[in-house]
């Protein structure tokens, strides 16, 4: 089974370019196909992905039991084989011996039938299948596989990663002919040919032939290197990968390469009439094009209409939050901050001013390790897929991959203390309805949030509908560290902030006039490696906001650091 037939807009007889139709993907014949979603997805939060380890441990236990049973069964078969073989190894088997004659008749009438129709093998596999069915509802759905594959494509794009490097378990950035290590994992986890094939197939099914080609090229290369071998767990094969890749090249406008791959496919599967007909059509297309000028269409990364700042956004993400020239700017400084609050006199906050307009500061060690751990623990059972406002509705979107939970300060006294600390440092009233409840976010595989504003920019926003005011400021706490990626990028301010565990990032969303500050456009860069947790405390505008602005502008620094 393969993807559905595609409509090819050419003035030619119908071209049978249904990838996978002649190859026969493994597992499908038995009805093992893409499953329907089982409740909450797993790929959008690392917390959910980590929970999937439990069912796999149970499957490992079941498989170990199955293998032990099969090993015992095979040892017994080897014993029977050796026993019968020993009777045939002599120059002549003395069937004149009535005992041997009897055992020969018995073996052929009874023993061999018992061996061939043994129920032991069926019982072993039935136990494995029954165990699988029990945990099946806790396993990732097909939508999770799609989401995880799209995450790898996202990382490939944003960080300019080599797909060949990813297949070998490394994170290498490719710029022209230069290849540099972006991140070196302590342990290498390479991808198999079938792993790469699935990523390419997901892209193919989305009509994204740019990514389909990059991943299927690597899959074909790996399948070629292991041709003739077969892994039980694999679904694809070299023929499958060639089939999809040929059609992807055709759809991308590269007919000559589609022809070359189709011819290679036919070497492995010479009886495939569909592919033979496709080759004839490709040859006819190329013959007609030879009289036309111009090269074949170059394969380009698909454009994203809603992301006009893509190049700036990705460039900032690629710095991984490094700001090598910030020390040269005199207006940026470090200080011990009390904001004239008695609450902070004995333990002032360690403030680092990152940017002036818009005003963005980082408060180091704002929470302790134990506080961060408790907040993550409170939120974990309540995490749900993050949504964004779309007109008057809220919906899940591909440009925000994470799960969120909202915590009231009644959950634990520690959250009351945290609110008090935020209020003392910012001068803001962080109690509802003047502020939203604490939002805790856990990012997923390649989790990100593309450039956006925290304040509402449209009168139809739910914020206005609830008469709660716009979001004046954002106070974001990093509850974990990551090994690479996950920076907060300010697009128009042109800098990014790395994930600093236990630190808090603060900025104003609105001008003193109440108008939104367009320079606060920011993004959560995709997490390359690691588990990113954060909290958002967002203050809303209400009555007498001018007075609160005056309070906030009274800032006192005791000493520089």
Foldseek 3Di string as FASTA:
>chain_A
DAADDDDDPDPDPDALQGFPPPPAFPPVVVVPDFDDFQPFAQQLFVLSVVVQVVLVVLLVVLVVQLVVLVVVLVVVVVVVVVVVVVQVPDPDRPCVPVVVVVVVVCCVVPVVVCNVPPCSNVVSVVSSVVSCVVCVSSHGGVVSLLLLLVLVVQCCPLQVFQLLQVQFQFGWHDDPPDIDGLDDDPDGDHHALQSLQSSLSSCVNVVQLLSNQRSLVSSLVRLVVVPPDDDPPHGDHNLSSLSSNLVSCVSQFNLVVSLVSLVVSCVVVVVPVSSVSNNVVSVVVVVVCVVPDDDTHDRDGDDDVVAPLSVLQSVQQNVLQDDPCQVVDVVWFWFFWQLPFPVCPVPGWTWTFRDVVQTKIKTPLLDDLVLLVVVCVVWSVPWHFDWDDDQQDTDHDPQARKTKDFDACVVDVVSVVSQVSVCRRQVANLDPPQWGGKMKIKGGSQGKHHWDAQWDPDCSTVCVVVVSATFFKKKKFWSDAWSTTFWKAQRQSRHTHHRRHNMIMMGTQADLVSHGRPSRGIMGGGRNGGITMMIIMTGGDDPPVNVSVVSRVSIDGDDTD
